[in-house]
Amino acid sequence: MVHANGKPFVLHSCGNLTTVMDDIIDAGVDAKHSFEDQIMPVTEVKRRWGERISILGGIDVDFLCHASVEQVRKRTLETLEQCAPGGGYALGTGNTVANYIPVKNYLAMLEAGNEFNSR
């Protein structure tokens, strides 16, 4: 129904979907959001399924809460270096941008994304 109306089928789902990811892709989902380092880092998701589905976000929210600005910048650039080639990746947080994420860390992620794109 989504595709019949010219829209992309985007799935936001928390939790470990490893055992059903192939089924999700085969069902026609175009993009997946919500990733957590403890379940599977977004770089691994991109490596495993990035040829078949677009990956949205992936900078872990827990990491964003506890890391320094420099750590966020470094992780963001490393994630982009691994996930951007070949397309099908959009930078963002691993889940909803909650009000307890330090604003300076969120902005560091965005600034690193801009830095990567200007290379």
C-alpha atoms as a PDB file:
ATOM      1  CA  MET A   1       0.000   0.000   0.000  1.00  0.00           C
ATOM      2  CA  VAL A   2       2.849   2.406   0.825  1.00  0.00           C
ATOM      3  CA  HIS A   3       4.639   1.806  -2.467  1.00  0.00           C
ATOM      4  CA  ALA A   4       1.364   1.943  -4.408  1.00  0.00           C
ATOM      5  CA  ASN A   5       1.020   5.521  -3.160  1.00  0.00           C
ATOM      6  CA  GLY A   6       4.548   6.457  -4.240  1.00  0.00           C
ATOM      7  CA  LYS A   7       5.963   6.596  -0.717  1.00  0.00           C
ATOM      8  CA  PRO A   8       8.993   4.867   0.794  1.00  0.00           C
ATOM      9  CA  PHE A   9       8.338   2.210   3.428  1.00  0.00           C
ATOM     10  CA  VAL A  10      10.388   3.265   6.465  1.00  0.00           C
ATOM     11  CA  LEU A  11      10.474   1.105   9.574  1.00  0.00           C
ATOM     12  CA  HIS A  12      11.361   2.408  13.026  1.00  0.00           C
ATOM     13  CA  SER A  13      11.733  -0.522  15.344  1.00  0.00           C
ATOM     14  CA  CYS A  14      13.728  -0.909  18.527  1.00  0.00           C
ATOM     15  CA  GLY A  15      15.260  -4.173  19.603  1.00  0.00           C
ATOM     16  CA  ASN A  16      17.187  -6.983  18.009  1.00  0.00           C
ATOM     17  CA  LEU A  17      15.717  -7.808  14.605  1.00  0.00           C
ATOM     18  CA  THR A  18      18.692  -9.816  13.346  1.00  0.00           C
ATOM     19  CA  THR A  19      16.756 -13.047  12.872  1.00  0.00           C
ATOM     20  CA  VAL A  20      13.980 -11.357  10.893  1.00  0.00           C
ATOM     21  CA  MET A  21      15.911  -8.647   9.031  1.00  0.00           C
ATOM     22  CA  ASP A  22      15.967 -10.581   5.767  1.00  0.00           C
ATOM     23  CA  ASP A  23      12.186 -11.048   6.043  1.00  0.00           C
ATOM     24  CA  ILE A  24      11.722  -7.324   6.733  1.00  0.00           C
ATOM     25  CA  ILE A  25      13.704  -6.469   3.613  1.00  0.00           C
ATOM     26  CA  ASP A  26      11.886  -9.099   1.541  1.00  0.00           C
ATOM     27  CA  ALA A  27       8.563  -7.616   2.710  1.00  0.00           C
ATOM     28  CA  GLY A  28       9.509  -4.393   0.906  1.00  0.00           C
ATOM     29  CA  VAL A  29      10.806  -2.150   3.683  1.00  0.00           C
ATOM     30  CA  ASP A  30      12.993   0.512   2.055  1.00  0.00           C
ATOM     31  CA  ALA A  31      14.732   1.920   5.135  1.00  0.00           C
ATOM     32  CA  LYS A  32      15.272   1.010   8.782  1.00  0.00           C
ATOM     33  CA  HIS A  33      15.808   3.320  11.754  1.00  0.00           C
ATOM     34  CA  SER A  34      16.737   2.704  15.362  1.00  0.00           C
ATOM     35  CA  PHE A  35      20.085   1.166  16.121  1.00  0.00           C
ATOM     36  CA  GLU A  36      21.878   0.527  19.387  1.00  0.00           C
ATOM     37  CA  ASP A  37      25.553  -0.340  19.802  1.00  0.00           C
ATOM     38  CA  GLN A  38      24.803  -3.099  22.332  1.00  0.00           C
ATOM     39  CA  ILE A  39      22.571  -4.894  19.838  1.00  0.00           C
ATOM     40  CA  MET A  40      24.533  -4.231  16.632  1.00  0.00           C
ATOM     41  CA  PRO A  41      26.516  -1.133  15.685  1.00  0.00           C
ATOM     42  CA  VAL A  42      25.157   0.647  12.631  1.00  0.00           C
ATOM     43  CA  THR A  43      28.414  -0.003  10.775  1.00  0.00           C
ATOM     44  CA  GLU A  44      27.765  -3.746  11.059  1.00  0.00           C
ATOM     45  CA  VAL A  45      24.152  -3.305   9.936  1.00  0.00           C
ATOM     46  CA  LYS A  46      25.372  -1.384   6.886  1.00  0.00           C
ATOM     47  CA  ARG A  47      27.938  -4.085   6.127  1.00  0.00           C
ATOM     48  CA  ARG A  48      25.379  -6.898   6.410  1.00  0.00           C
ATOM     49  CA  TRP A  49      22.283  -5.390   4.799  1.00  0.00           C
ATOM     50  CA  GLY A  50      23.308  -2.041   3.287  1.00  0.00           C
ATOM     51  CA  GLU A  51      23.116  -3.331  -0.272  1.00  0.00           C
ATOM     52  CA  ARG A  52      19.435  -4.201   0.256  1.00  0.00           C
ATOM     53  CA  ILE A  53      17.979  -1.546   2.576  1.00  0.00           C
ATOM     54  CA  SER A  54      18.710   2.065   3.467  1.00  0.00           C
ATOM     55  CA  ILE A  55      20.068   2.699   6.940  1.00  0.00           C
ATOM     56  CA  LEU A  56      18.912   5.744   8.912  1.00  0.00           C
ATOM     57  CA  GLY A  57      20.768   7.084  11.939  1.00  0.00           C
ATOM     58  CA  GLY A  58      22.893   4.890  14.125  1.00  0.00           C
ATOM     59  CA  ILE A  59      24.911   7.208  16.349  1.00  0.00           C
ATOM     60  CA  ASP A  60      23.953   5.496  19.610  1.00  0.00           C
ATOM     61  CA  VAL A  61      21.911   7.642  21.999  1.00  0.00           C
ATOM     62  CA  ASP A  62      23.668   6.253  25.103  1.00  0.00           C
ATOM     63  CA  PHE A  63      27.006   7.135  23.501  1.00  0.00           C
ATOM     64  CA  LEU A  64      25.768  10.657  22.727  1.00  0.00           C
ATOM     65  CA  CYS A  65      24.742  11.063  26.372  1.00  0.00           C
ATOM     66  CA  HIS A  66      28.096  10.077  27.842  1.00  0.00           C
ATOM     67  CA  ALA A  67      30.785  10.895  25.271  1.00  0.00           C
ATOM     68  CA  SER A  68      32.849  14.036  24.944  1.00  0.00           C
ATOM     69  CA  VAL A  69      32.358  16.379  22.007  1.00  0.00           C
ATOM     70  CA  GLU A  70      35.607  15.109  20.470  1.00  0.00           C
ATOM     71  CA  GLN A  71      34.532  11.479  20.885  1.00  0.00           C
ATOM     72  CA  VAL A  72      31.212  12.267  19.169  1.00  0.00           C
ATOM     73  CA  ARG A  73      33.012  14.013  16.321  1.00  0.00           C
ATOM     74  CA  LYS A  74      35.419  11.087  15.880  1.00  0.00           C
ATOM     75  CA  ARG A  75      32.674   8.416  16.040  1.00  0.00           C
ATOM     76  CA  THR A  76      30.508  10.336  13.580  1.00  0.00           C
ATOM     77  CA  LEU A  77      33.319  10.669  11.038  1.00  0.00           C
ATOM     78  CA  GLU A  78      34.270   6.994  11.422  1.00  0.00           C
ATOM     79  CA  THR A  79      30.632   5.961  10.968  1.00  0.00           C
ATOM     80  CA  LEU A  80      30.302   8.070   7.836  1.00  0.00           C
ATOM     81  CA  GLU A  81      33.546   6.698   6.417  1.00  0.00           C
ATOM     82  CA  GLN A  82      32.168   3.178   6.782  1.00  0.00           C
ATOM     83  CA  CYS A  83      28.483   3.754   5.983  1.00  0.00           C
ATOM     84  CA  ALA A  84      28.408   6.497   3.336  1.00  0.00           C
ATOM     85  CA  PRO A  85      30.206   4.675   0.492  1.00  0.00           C
ATOM     86  CA  GLY A  86      27.700   3.212  -1.927  1.00  0.00           C
ATOM     87  CA  GLY A  87      24.861   5.392  -0.651  1.00  0.00           C
ATOM     88  CA  GLY A  88      21.840   4.248   1.285  1.00  0.00           C
ATOM     89  CA  TYR A  89      22.888   5.842   4.573  1.00  0.00           C
ATOM     90  CA  ALA A  90      21.573   8.951   6.336  1.00  0.00           C
ATOM     91  CA  LEU A  91      23.369  10.309   9.393  1.00  0.00           C
ATOM     92  CA  GLY A  92      21.361  10.645  12.563  1.00  0.00           C
ATOM     93  CA  THR A  93      20.951   9.380  16.065  1.00  0.00           C
ATOM     94  CA  GLY A  94      20.341   5.734  16.831  1.00  0.00           C
ATOM     95  CA  ASN A  95      16.897   6.540  18.173  1.00  0.00           C
ATOM     96  CA  THR A  96      14.800   9.573  19.042  1.00  0.00           C
ATOM     97  CA  VAL A  97      16.735  12.713  19.960  1.00  0.00           C
ATOM     98  CA  ALA A  98      15.792  12.872  23.622  1.00  0.00           C
ATOM     99  CA  ASN A  99      15.998  16.013  25.759  1.00  0.00           C
ATOM    100  CA  TYR A 100      18.668  14.407  27.955  1.00  0.00           C
ATOM    101  CA  ILE A 101      21.233  14.248  25.137  1.00  0.00           C
ATOM    102  CA  PRO A 102      23.670  17.129  25.671  1.00  0.00           C
ATOM    103  CA  VAL A 103      22.979  19.699  22.966  1.00  0.00           C
ATOM    104  CA  LYS A 104      26.722  20.192  22.426  1.00  0.00           C
ATOM    105  CA  ASN A 105      27.057  16.489  21.556  1.00  0.00           C
ATOM    106  CA  TYR A 106      24.123  16.534  19.154  1.00  0.00           C
ATOM    107  CA  LEU A 107      25.566  19.611  17.462  1.00  0.00           C
ATOM    108  CA  ALA A 108      29.005  17.935  17.300  1.00  0.00           C
ATOM    109  CA  MET A 109      27.415  15.041  15.405  1.00  0.00           C
ATOM    110  CA  LEU A 110      25.778  17.432  12.929  1.00  0.00           C
ATOM    111  CA  GLU A 111      28.948  19.492  12.496  1.00  0.00           C
ATOM    112  CA  ALA A 112      30.993  16.333  11.836  1.00  0.00           C
ATOM    113  CA  GLY A 113      28.422  15.348   9.213  1.00  0.00           C
ATOM    114  CA  ASN A 114      28.831  18.725   7.534  1.00  0.00           C
ATOM    115  CA  GLU A 115      32.605  18.370   7.723  1.00  0.00           C
ATOM    116  CA  PHE A 116      32.414  14.941   6.071  1.00  0.00           C
ATOM    117  CA  ASN A 117      30.151  16.246   3.318  1.00  0.00           C
ATOM    118  CA  SER A 118      32.467  19.146   2.540  1.00  0.00           C
ATOM    119  CA  ARG A 119      35.454  16.889   1.892  1.00  0.00           C
END
